[in-house]
Amino acid sequence: GAKRIAQGLRDAGFAVGFNGLRQTPSQIVQSAVAERVDAVGLSLSEGKRADLFSQVAALLRDRGAEDVVIFGGGSVSREDIPVLTGAGAEAVFLADAPISDMADFLRRRCRSAGD
C-alpha cells in the first residue's frame, strides 16, 4: 500500500514524507505547503475519492501552491481514472502499477525529482 510506495520512492532517490493515512485535505495541504513539496501522492485504498483530489487541488491553489503535482493510486478501476484526473490528479496508478512507473512520472513532472 502507501507505505510500500513511500519506501519504493525513497529507494528510487526521492525525499518522501509520509504523514499517515486518513489525513484531511486541510492537513495534507498544510503539510505540503510547510514542507515545500514538489508533489502530493494520495492513496485510493478506500475506493473512489474524487472529492479528495478536488479538495486538495483547491486548497493548494488557495495557498498559492498550484504548482504542486497531485498524483494517486491504489484500489481504483480504469473507468474511474478520468473522473480522478478531472478532479485534479495529474496521474492515477492502478494497484499493480510498478513503483518505477511512479518514479518516472515524478522525474518528468517535478522540479527537484529524485536522481
N, C-alpha and C. Protein backbone atom coordinates (compact mmCIF):
# COMPACT_ATOMS: atom_id res chain seq x y z
N GLY A 1 0.81 -1.18 0.00
CA GLY A 1 0.00 0.00 0.00
C GLY A 1 0.86 1.26 0.00
N ALA A 2 0.37 2.26 0.66
CA ALA A 2 1.00 3.58 0.68
C ALA A 2 2.40 3.54 1.28
N LYS A 3 2.59 2.75 2.34
CA LYS A 3 3.92 2.67 2.96
C LYS A 3 4.93 2.03 2.01
N ARG A 4 4.50 1.01 1.27
CA ARG A 4 5.37 0.35 0.30
C ARG A 4 5.78 1.32 -0.81
N ILE A 5 4.84 2.12 -1.25
CA ILE A 5 5.12 3.09 -2.31
C ILE A 5 6.07 4.17 -1.79
N ALA A 6 5.82 4.65 -0.58
CA ALA A 6 6.72 5.66 0.00
C ALA A 6 8.14 5.12 0.07
N GLN A 7 8.31 3.89 0.54
CA GLN A 7 9.64 3.30 0.63
C GLN A 7 10.25 3.09 -0.75
N GLY A 8 9.43 2.66 -1.70
CA GLY A 8 9.93 2.45 -3.06
C GLY A 8 10.41 3.74 -3.71
N LEU A 9 9.70 4.83 -3.46
CA LEU A 9 10.12 6.12 -4.00
C LEU A 9 11.37 6.63 -3.29
N ARG A 10 11.49 6.36 -2.00
CA ARG A 10 12.75 6.68 -1.30
C ARG A 10 13.90 5.91 -1.93
N ASP A 11 13.68 4.62 -2.17
CA ASP A 11 14.72 3.79 -2.77
C ASP A 11 15.10 4.28 -4.17
N ALA A 12 14.15 4.95 -4.84
CA ALA A 12 14.40 5.50 -6.18
C ALA A 12 15.06 6.87 -6.12
N GLY A 13 15.35 7.36 -4.91
CA GLY A 13 16.08 8.61 -4.77
C GLY A 13 15.25 9.83 -4.41
N PHE A 14 13.99 9.65 -4.12
CA PHE A 14 13.13 10.77 -3.77
C PHE A 14 13.14 11.00 -2.26
N ALA A 15 13.02 12.26 -1.87
CA ALA A 15 12.78 12.59 -0.46
C ALA A 15 11.27 12.47 -0.26
N VAL A 16 10.87 11.58 0.62
CA VAL A 16 9.45 11.29 0.81
C VAL A 16 9.06 11.54 2.25
N GLY A 17 8.01 12.32 2.42
CA GLY A 17 7.41 12.49 3.74
C GLY A 17 6.11 11.70 3.75
N PHE A 18 5.95 10.85 4.72
CA PHE A 18 4.72 10.05 4.83
C PHE A 18 4.03 10.44 6.12
N ASN A 19 2.88 11.09 5.98
CA ASN A 19 2.17 11.60 7.15
C ASN A 19 1.04 10.69 7.61
N GLY A 20 1.01 9.49 7.11
CA GLY A 20 -0.02 8.54 7.52
C GLY A 20 -1.25 8.61 6.65
N LEU A 21 -2.11 7.64 6.86
CA LEU A 21 -3.35 7.56 6.12
C LEU A 21 -4.44 8.36 6.82
N ARG A 22 -5.52 8.59 6.11
CA ARG A 22 -6.71 9.25 6.64
C ARG A 22 -6.48 10.67 7.12
N GLN A 23 -5.65 11.40 6.41
CA GLN A 23 -5.45 12.82 6.69
C GLN A 23 -6.55 13.61 5.98
N THR A 24 -6.95 14.71 6.56
CA THR A 24 -7.95 15.56 5.90
C THR A 24 -7.26 16.34 4.78
N PRO A 25 -8.02 16.82 3.81
CA PRO A 25 -7.42 17.66 2.77
C PRO A 25 -6.64 18.84 3.35
N SER A 26 -7.19 19.46 4.39
CA SER A 26 -6.51 20.59 5.02
C SER A 26 -5.17 20.17 5.63
N GLN A 27 -5.13 19.02 6.29
CA GLN A 27 -3.88 18.53 6.87
C GLN A 27 -2.85 18.22 5.78
N ILE A 28 -3.32 17.62 4.70
CA ILE A 28 -2.43 17.27 3.58
C ILE A 28 -1.79 18.53 3.01
N VAL A 29 -2.62 19.54 2.75
CA VAL A 29 -2.13 20.77 2.14
C VAL A 29 -1.25 21.56 3.12
N GLN A 30 -1.63 21.61 4.37
CA GLN A 30 -0.82 22.31 5.37
C GLN A 30 0.59 21.71 5.40
N SER A 31 0.68 20.41 5.43
CA SER A 31 1.98 19.74 5.44
C SER A 31 2.74 19.98 4.14
N ALA A 32 2.05 19.89 3.01
CA ALA A 32 2.69 20.07 1.71
C ALA A 32 3.28 21.48 1.58
N VAL A 33 2.53 22.48 2.01
CA VAL A 33 3.00 23.87 1.91
C VAL A 33 4.15 24.10 2.89
N ALA A 34 4.02 23.59 4.10
CA ALA A 34 5.07 23.79 5.11
C ALA A 34 6.38 23.14 4.68
N GLU A 35 6.28 21.98 4.04
CA GLU A 35 7.48 21.25 3.63
C GLU A 35 7.96 21.62 2.22
N ARG A 36 7.21 22.50 1.56
CA ARG A 36 7.55 22.97 0.21
C ARG A 36 7.79 21.80 -0.75
N VAL A 37 6.84 20.89 -0.80
CA VAL A 37 6.96 19.69 -1.62
C VAL A 37 6.74 19.98 -3.10
N ASP A 38 7.24 19.08 -3.92
CA ASP A 38 7.00 19.15 -5.37
C ASP A 38 5.75 18.39 -5.76
N ALA A 39 5.40 17.37 -4.96
CA ALA A 39 4.25 16.53 -5.31
C ALA A 39 3.58 16.01 -4.06
N VAL A 40 2.29 15.69 -4.22
CA VAL A 40 1.50 15.07 -3.17
C VAL A 40 0.90 13.81 -3.77
N GLY A 41 1.14 12.67 -3.11
CA GLY A 41 0.55 11.41 -3.53
C GLY A 41 -0.57 11.04 -2.59
N LEU A 42 -1.72 10.71 -3.17
CA LEU A 42 -2.90 10.37 -2.39
C LEU A 42 -3.26 8.91 -2.58
N SER A 43 -3.55 8.24 -1.48
CA SER A 43 -3.91 6.83 -1.51
C SER A 43 -5.39 6.66 -1.80
N LEU A 44 -5.67 5.73 -2.68
CA LEU A 44 -7.06 5.43 -3.01
C LEU A 44 -7.46 4.07 -2.43
N SER A 45 -6.94 3.77 -1.28
CA SER A 45 -7.21 2.47 -0.67
C SER A 45 -8.67 2.32 -0.23
N GLU A 46 -9.38 3.41 -0.18
CA GLU A 46 -10.77 3.36 0.26
C GLU A 46 -11.74 3.57 -0.90
N GLY A 47 -11.30 3.28 -2.11
CA GLY A 47 -12.19 3.41 -3.26
C GLY A 47 -12.10 4.78 -3.90
N LYS A 48 -13.13 5.12 -4.66
CA LYS A 48 -13.15 6.39 -5.39
C LYS A 48 -13.09 7.56 -4.42
N ARG A 49 -12.20 8.51 -4.70
CA ARG A 49 -12.07 9.66 -3.83
C ARG A 49 -11.87 10.93 -4.65
N ALA A 50 -12.68 11.11 -5.67
CA ALA A 50 -12.56 12.31 -6.49
C ALA A 50 -12.67 13.57 -5.64
N ASP A 51 -13.50 13.50 -4.58
CA ASP A 51 -13.66 14.66 -3.70
C ASP A 51 -12.34 15.02 -3.02
N LEU A 52 -11.55 14.02 -2.65
CA LEU A 52 -10.26 14.27 -2.01
C LEU A 52 -9.33 15.02 -2.96
N PHE A 53 -9.25 14.56 -4.21
CA PHE A 53 -8.39 15.22 -5.18
C PHE A 53 -8.84 16.66 -5.43
N SER A 54 -10.13 16.87 -5.62
CA SER A 54 -10.61 18.22 -5.91
C SER A 54 -10.41 19.15 -4.72
N GLN A 55 -10.60 18.65 -3.50
CA GLN A 55 -10.41 19.49 -2.32
C GLN A 55 -8.94 19.84 -2.12
N VAL A 56 -8.05 18.87 -2.30
CA VAL A 56 -6.62 19.13 -2.16
C VAL A 56 -6.17 20.12 -3.23
N ALA A 57 -6.62 19.94 -4.47
CA ALA A 57 -6.24 20.86 -5.55
C ALA A 57 -6.72 22.28 -5.25
N ALA A 58 -7.95 22.42 -4.77
CA ALA A 58 -8.49 23.75 -4.45
C ALA A 58 -7.72 24.40 -3.31
N LEU A 59 -7.42 23.64 -2.28
CA LEU A 59 -6.68 24.20 -1.15
C LEU A 59 -5.25 24.57 -1.53
N LEU A 60 -4.63 23.77 -2.38
CA LEU A 60 -3.28 24.14 -2.86
C LEU A 60 -3.33 25.45 -3.64
N ARG A 61 -4.34 25.60 -4.50
CA ARG A 61 -4.49 26.86 -5.25
C ARG A 61 -4.69 28.02 -4.29
N ASP A 62 -5.54 27.83 -3.28
CA ASP A 62 -5.81 28.88 -2.29
C ASP A 62 -4.54 29.30 -1.55
N ARG A 63 -3.61 28.39 -1.38
CA ARG A 63 -2.37 28.67 -0.64
C ARG A 63 -1.23 29.07 -1.58
N GLY A 64 -1.55 29.28 -2.88
CA GLY A 64 -0.53 29.69 -3.84
C GLY A 64 0.43 28.58 -4.23
N ALA A 65 -0.01 27.35 -4.06
CA ALA A 65 0.85 26.21 -4.35
C ALA A 65 0.28 25.35 -5.48
N GLU A 66 -0.28 26.02 -6.48
CA GLU A 66 -0.89 25.28 -7.58
C GLU A 66 0.12 24.53 -8.44
N ASP A 67 1.41 24.80 -8.25
CA ASP A 67 2.44 24.08 -8.99
C ASP A 67 2.76 22.71 -8.40
N VAL A 68 2.21 22.39 -7.23
CA VAL A 68 2.43 21.08 -6.62
C VAL A 68 1.68 20.02 -7.43
N VAL A 69 2.39 18.99 -7.83
CA VAL A 69 1.83 17.90 -8.62
C VAL A 69 1.02 16.99 -7.71
N ILE A 70 -0.19 16.65 -8.14
CA ILE A 70 -1.04 15.73 -7.39
C ILE A 70 -1.15 14.43 -8.18
N PHE A 71 -0.83 13.32 -7.50
CA PHE A 71 -1.00 12.02 -8.13
C PHE A 71 -1.57 11.07 -7.10
N GLY A 72 -2.02 9.92 -7.54
CA GLY A 72 -2.58 8.96 -6.60
C GLY A 72 -2.61 7.57 -7.19
N GLY A 73 -3.06 6.67 -6.38
CA GLY A 73 -3.15 5.30 -6.83
C GLY A 73 -3.74 4.41 -5.77
N GLY A 74 -3.96 3.17 -6.17
CA GLY A 74 -4.50 2.19 -5.24
C GLY A 74 -5.67 1.46 -5.84
N SER A 75 -6.66 1.23 -5.01
CA SER A 75 -7.84 0.46 -5.40
C SER A 75 -8.77 1.32 -6.24
N VAL A 76 -8.50 1.33 -7.51
CA VAL A 76 -9.30 2.14 -8.44
C VAL A 76 -9.41 1.36 -9.75
N SER A 77 -10.53 1.51 -10.41
CA SER A 77 -10.69 0.85 -11.71
C SER A 77 -10.25 1.81 -12.82
N ARG A 78 -9.92 1.24 -13.95
CA ARG A 78 -9.52 2.06 -15.11
C ARG A 78 -10.62 3.06 -15.47
N GLU A 79 -11.87 2.66 -15.27
CA GLU A 79 -13.00 3.53 -15.62
C GLU A 79 -13.06 4.77 -14.73
N ASP A 80 -12.49 4.69 -13.54
CA ASP A 80 -12.52 5.83 -12.61
C ASP A 80 -11.40 6.84 -12.86
N ILE A 81 -10.40 6.46 -13.62
CA ILE A 81 -9.25 7.34 -13.82
C ILE A 81 -9.65 8.69 -14.42
N PRO A 82 -10.49 8.75 -15.46
CA PRO A 82 -10.87 10.07 -15.99
C PRO A 82 -11.58 10.95 -14.96
N VAL A 83 -12.36 10.35 -14.08
CA VAL A 83 -13.05 11.12 -13.03
C VAL A 83 -12.01 11.73 -12.09
N LEU A 84 -11.02 10.92 -11.72
CA LEU A 84 -10.00 11.39 -10.79
C LEU A 84 -9.08 12.43 -11.42
N THR A 85 -8.73 12.24 -12.68
CA THR A 85 -7.89 13.26 -13.33
C THR A 85 -8.69 14.54 -13.54
N GLY A 86 -9.97 14.42 -13.77
CA GLY A 86 -10.82 15.59 -13.88
C GLY A 86 -10.96 16.33 -12.57
N ALA A 87 -10.72 15.63 -11.47
CA ALA A 87 -10.84 16.23 -10.14
C ALA A 87 -9.52 16.81 -9.64
N GLY A 88 -8.45 16.68 -10.44
CA GLY A 88 -7.20 17.31 -10.05
C GLY A 88 -5.97 16.43 -10.05
N ALA A 89 -6.13 15.13 -10.20
CA ALA A 89 -4.97 14.24 -10.24
C ALA A 89 -4.30 14.35 -11.60
N GLU A 90 -2.98 14.53 -11.60
CA GLU A 90 -2.26 14.53 -12.87
C GLU A 90 -1.98 13.13 -13.36
N ALA A 91 -1.91 12.19 -12.43
CA ALA A 91 -1.70 10.79 -12.77
C ALA A 91 -2.36 9.92 -11.72
N VAL A 92 -2.91 8.81 -12.17
CA VAL A 92 -3.52 7.83 -11.28
C VAL A 92 -2.94 6.47 -11.65
N PHE A 93 -2.41 5.79 -10.65
CA PHE A 93 -1.77 4.50 -10.86
C PHE A 93 -2.63 3.40 -10.26
N LEU A 94 -2.83 2.34 -11.02
CA LEU A 94 -3.58 1.19 -10.53
C LEU A 94 -2.77 0.47 -9.46
N ALA A 95 -3.43 -0.35 -8.67
CA ALA A 95 -2.78 -1.02 -7.54
C ALA A 95 -1.58 -1.85 -7.96
N ASP A 96 -1.59 -2.40 -9.16
CA ASP A 96 -0.48 -3.25 -9.60
C ASP A 96 0.59 -2.50 -10.39
N ALA A 97 0.51 -1.19 -10.41
CA ALA A 97 1.50 -0.40 -11.17
C ALA A 97 2.87 -0.51 -10.50
N PRO A 98 3.91 -0.69 -11.30
CA PRO A 98 5.26 -0.72 -10.73
C PRO A 98 5.64 0.65 -10.17
N ILE A 99 6.37 0.64 -9.07
CA ILE A 99 6.83 1.90 -8.48
C ILE A 99 7.69 2.66 -9.47
N SER A 100 8.39 1.94 -10.35
CA SER A 100 9.22 2.61 -11.35
C SER A 100 8.38 3.51 -12.26
N ASP A 101 7.12 3.14 -12.52
CA ASP A 101 6.24 4.00 -13.33
C ASP A 101 5.97 5.31 -12.60
N MET A 102 5.74 5.24 -11.29
CA MET A 102 5.50 6.44 -10.49
C MET A 102 6.76 7.30 -10.45
N ALA A 103 7.90 6.66 -10.26
CA ALA A 103 9.17 7.39 -10.21
C ALA A 103 9.44 8.08 -11.54
N ASP A 104 9.19 7.40 -12.64
CA ASP A 104 9.39 8.01 -13.96
C ASP A 104 8.48 9.22 -14.14
N PHE A 105 7.22 9.09 -13.74
CA PHE A 105 6.27 10.20 -13.83
C PHE A 105 6.79 11.39 -13.02
N LEU A 106 7.20 11.13 -11.78
CA LEU A 106 7.66 12.22 -10.91
C LEU A 106 8.94 12.87 -11.44
N ARG A 107 9.83 12.09 -12.01
CA ARG A 107 11.05 12.67 -12.59
C ARG A 107 10.72 13.60 -13.75
N ARG A 108 9.73 13.21 -14.55
CA ARG A 108 9.33 14.05 -15.69
C ARG A 108 8.63 15.32 -15.22
N ARG A 109 7.87 15.23 -14.13
CA ARG A 109 6.98 16.32 -13.74
C ARG A 109 7.48 17.27 -12.69
N CYS A 110 8.43 16.86 -11.87
CA CYS A 110 8.82 17.67 -10.71
C CYS A 110 10.13 18.39 -10.91
N ARG A 111 10.23 19.55 -10.25
CA ARG A 111 11.42 20.39 -10.35
C ARG A 111 12.65 19.72 -9.78
N SER A 112 12.54 19.11 -8.61
CA SER A 112 13.72 18.54 -7.95
C SER A 112 13.52 17.05 -7.72
N ALA A 113 13.26 16.36 -8.82
CA ALA A 113 12.95 14.92 -8.74
C ALA A 113 14.17 14.11 -8.34
N GLY A 114 13.90 12.96 -7.76
CA GLY A 114 14.95 12.06 -7.30
C GLY A 114 15.82 11.55 -8.43
N ASP A 115 17.10 11.60 -8.21
CA ASP A 115 18.07 11.08 -9.19
C ASP A 115 19.05 10.18 -8.49
